[in-house]
Amino acid sequence: MIDSVEAFERLAAGSAAELTQLAALPATSPQVWWDVLARRPDLALWVAANHTLPGEVAIHLAQHDSVQVRASLATGPCVNDATMLRLAHDKDEVVRLRVVCNAKASRDVLTALVADPCTVVSIHAQARLVHDISGVKLPASYLEEVSVDDLRH
């Protein structure tokens, strides 16, 4: 468990294995996340990458100024449907594509993205819906090959 800002900092500065732990370890309390964000705003990306965030922290990070923070959050399994829907309407298409890539994106979220102004996001939202309706789930690696260059047209 992550019990302090200092413990979070040690993991964030560590090896690849420690960074993997950082994404999976819960905090001892929601206050730890707020303390990290207050004292080390430069680590917001690593907070957003954590898979155990409480809903209120995820809501806060969904409004973050950094596209990277919002995109990291959009890939996480801890994001509830309301926050995911908010991210589906993000101003940046990279964030919206990460929502499409999230296996936890609901049918409502994917439906909202079908009409996305970015063709890549729209096409992939349609593909996810077709596969979800047919009962054939796409592999977790779906869209890993889509790059930012595909979006920036």
Protein backbone atom coordinates (compact mmCIF):
# COMPACT_ATOMS: atom_id res chain seq x y z
CA MET A 1 0.00 0.00 0.00
CA ILE A 2 1.07 3.56 -0.64
CA ASP A 3 0.94 5.29 2.72
CA SER A 4 2.56 8.67 2.04
CA VAL A 5 3.74 11.16 -0.55
CA GLU A 6 7.29 10.00 0.12
CA ALA A 7 6.40 6.36 -0.58
CA PHE A 8 4.76 7.42 -3.83
CA GLU A 9 7.82 9.49 -4.78
CA ARG A 10 10.17 6.54 -4.15
CA LEU A 11 8.13 4.28 -6.43
CA ALA A 12 7.83 6.96 -9.13
CA ALA A 13 11.61 7.43 -9.15
CA GLY A 14 12.31 3.72 -9.20
CA SER A 15 12.81 0.95 -11.69
CA ALA A 16 10.33 -0.29 -14.29
CA ALA A 17 9.18 -2.92 -11.79
CA GLU A 18 8.48 -0.23 -9.20
CA LEU A 19 6.55 1.83 -11.75
CA THR A 20 4.43 -1.24 -12.46
CA GLN A 21 3.76 -1.53 -8.73
CA LEU A 22 2.86 2.15 -8.65
CA ALA A 23 0.00 1.51 -11.07
CA ALA A 24 -1.38 -1.38 -9.04
CA LEU A 25 -0.89 -0.42 -5.39
CA PRO A 26 -3.78 1.24 -3.58
CA ALA A 27 -3.29 4.10 -1.17
CA THR A 28 -4.00 3.60 2.51
CA SER A 29 -6.60 6.39 2.22
CA PRO A 30 -7.94 8.77 -0.45
CA GLN A 31 -6.12 11.58 1.37
CA VAL A 32 -2.77 10.15 0.21
CA TRP A 33 -3.76 10.85 -3.43
CA TRP A 34 -4.80 14.40 -2.58
CA ASP A 35 -1.53 14.94 -0.71
CA VAL A 36 0.52 13.70 -3.67
CA LEU A 37 -1.38 15.98 -6.05
CA ALA A 38 -0.99 18.97 -3.72
CA ARG A 39 2.68 18.50 -2.88
CA ARG A 40 3.88 16.96 -6.15
CA PRO A 41 1.65 18.13 -9.01
CA ASP A 42 4.41 17.00 -11.40
CA LEU A 43 3.50 13.41 -10.48
CA ALA A 44 -0.16 13.75 -11.53
CA LEU A 45 0.51 11.53 -14.55
CA TRP A 46 1.58 8.69 -12.26
CA VAL A 47 -1.42 9.22 -10.01
CA ALA A 48 -3.70 9.03 -13.07
CA ALA A 49 -2.02 5.76 -14.09
CA ASN A 50 -2.96 4.08 -10.81
CA HIS A 51 -5.66 1.43 -11.21
CA THR A 52 -7.11 1.85 -7.73
CA LEU A 53 -8.01 5.54 -7.66
CA PRO A 54 -11.13 6.56 -5.80
CA GLY A 55 -13.85 8.12 -7.94
CA GLU A 56 -13.43 11.65 -6.61
CA VAL A 57 -9.73 11.69 -7.50
CA ALA A 58 -10.51 10.37 -10.99
CA ILE A 59 -13.13 13.10 -11.47
CA HIS A 60 -10.56 15.71 -10.45
CA LEU A 61 -7.92 14.32 -12.84
CA ALA A 62 -10.44 14.18 -15.71
CA GLN A 63 -10.34 17.98 -15.61
CA HIS A 64 -6.55 18.26 -15.46
CA ASP A 65 -4.82 20.71 -17.82
CA SER A 66 -2.43 18.04 -19.11
CA VAL A 67 -3.55 15.92 -22.05
CA GLN A 68 -1.15 13.21 -20.88
CA VAL A 69 -2.79 13.05 -17.46
CA ARG A 70 -6.29 12.84 -18.94
CA ALA A 71 -5.17 10.24 -21.51
CA SER A 72 -3.55 8.14 -18.80
CA LEU A 73 -6.71 8.29 -16.74
CA ALA A 74 -8.82 7.33 -19.78
CA THR A 75 -7.01 3.99 -20.04
CA GLY A 76 -7.53 3.06 -16.40
CA PRO A 77 -9.88 0.39 -15.14
CA CYS A 78 -10.95 2.45 -12.12
CA VAL A 79 -12.80 5.12 -14.08
CA ASN A 80 -16.55 4.97 -13.59
CA ASP A 81 -19.02 5.40 -16.43
CA ALA A 82 -19.81 9.07 -15.70
CA THR A 83 -16.13 10.03 -15.69
CA MET A 84 -15.50 7.92 -18.79
CA LEU A 85 -18.35 9.75 -20.54
CA ARG A 86 -16.78 13.08 -19.55
CA LEU A 87 -13.47 11.92 -21.04
CA ALA A 88 -15.32 10.78 -24.19
CA HIS A 89 -16.18 14.46 -24.73
CA ASP A 90 -12.64 15.69 -24.03
CA LYS A 91 -11.36 18.43 -26.32
CA ASP A 92 -8.34 16.31 -27.29
CA GLU A 93 -8.75 13.38 -29.66
CA VAL A 94 -5.89 11.46 -28.02
CA VAL A 95 -7.92 11.31 -24.81
CA ARG A 96 -11.03 10.24 -26.72
CA LEU A 97 -9.08 7.50 -28.52
CA ARG A 98 -7.77 6.21 -25.18
CA VAL A 99 -11.40 5.99 -24.03
CA VAL A 100 -12.20 3.86 -27.10
CA CYS A 101 -9.23 1.64 -26.22
CA ASN A 102 -10.43 1.12 -22.65
CA ALA A 103 -11.99 -2.31 -22.28
CA LYS A 104 -14.24 -0.87 -19.55
CA ALA A 105 -15.86 1.68 -21.90
CA SER A 106 -19.59 1.03 -21.79
CA ARG A 107 -21.94 0.86 -24.74
CA ASP A 108 -23.21 4.37 -23.87
CA VAL A 109 -19.67 5.76 -23.92
CA LEU A 110 -18.85 4.05 -27.22
CA THR A 111 -22.12 5.23 -28.74
CA ALA A 112 -21.20 8.81 -27.84
CA LEU A 113 -17.89 8.35 -29.66
CA VAL A 114 -19.43 7.01 -32.89
CA ALA A 115 -20.24 10.61 -33.88
CA ASP A 116 -16.76 11.86 -32.93
CA PRO A 117 -15.34 14.48 -35.31
CA CYS A 118 -12.07 12.52 -35.44
CA THR A 119 -12.49 9.77 -38.01
CA VAL A 120 -10.07 7.41 -36.26
CA VAL A 121 -11.99 7.68 -32.97
CA SER A 122 -15.35 7.28 -34.72
CA ILE A 123 -14.32 4.22 -36.74
CA HIS A 124 -12.85 2.46 -33.74
CA ALA A 125 -15.88 3.25 -31.59
CA GLN A 126 -18.07 1.69 -34.29
CA ALA A 127 -15.83 -1.38 -34.44
CA ARG A 128 -15.96 -1.81 -30.67
CA LEU A 129 -19.75 -1.58 -30.69
CA VAL A 130 -20.10 -4.13 -33.49
CA HIS A 131 -17.84 -6.55 -31.68
CA ASP A 132 -19.54 -5.94 -28.34
CA ILE A 133 -23.02 -6.49 -29.84
CA SER A 134 -21.90 -9.66 -31.61
CA GLY A 135 -20.58 -11.01 -28.33
CA VAL A 136 -17.07 -11.32 -29.70
CA LYS A 137 -14.86 -9.22 -27.48
CA LEU A 138 -11.85 -7.57 -29.05
CA PRO A 139 -8.49 -8.56 -27.59
CA ALA A 140 -7.06 -6.33 -24.88
CA SER A 141 -4.32 -5.30 -27.30
CA TYR A 142 -6.83 -3.81 -29.73
CA LEU A 143 -5.67 -0.42 -31.01
CA GLU A 144 -2.18 -0.69 -29.51
CA GLU A 145 -0.79 0.05 -32.94
CA VAL A 146 -2.75 3.30 -33.32
CA SER A 147 -0.38 6.21 -32.86
CA VAL A 148 -0.76 9.91 -32.28
CA ASP A 149 0.31 10.39 -35.92
CA ASP A 150 -2.85 8.53 -36.98
CA LEU A 151 -4.89 11.16 -35.16
CA ARG A 152 -3.05 14.30 -36.13
CA HIS A 153 -4.20 14.70 -39.71
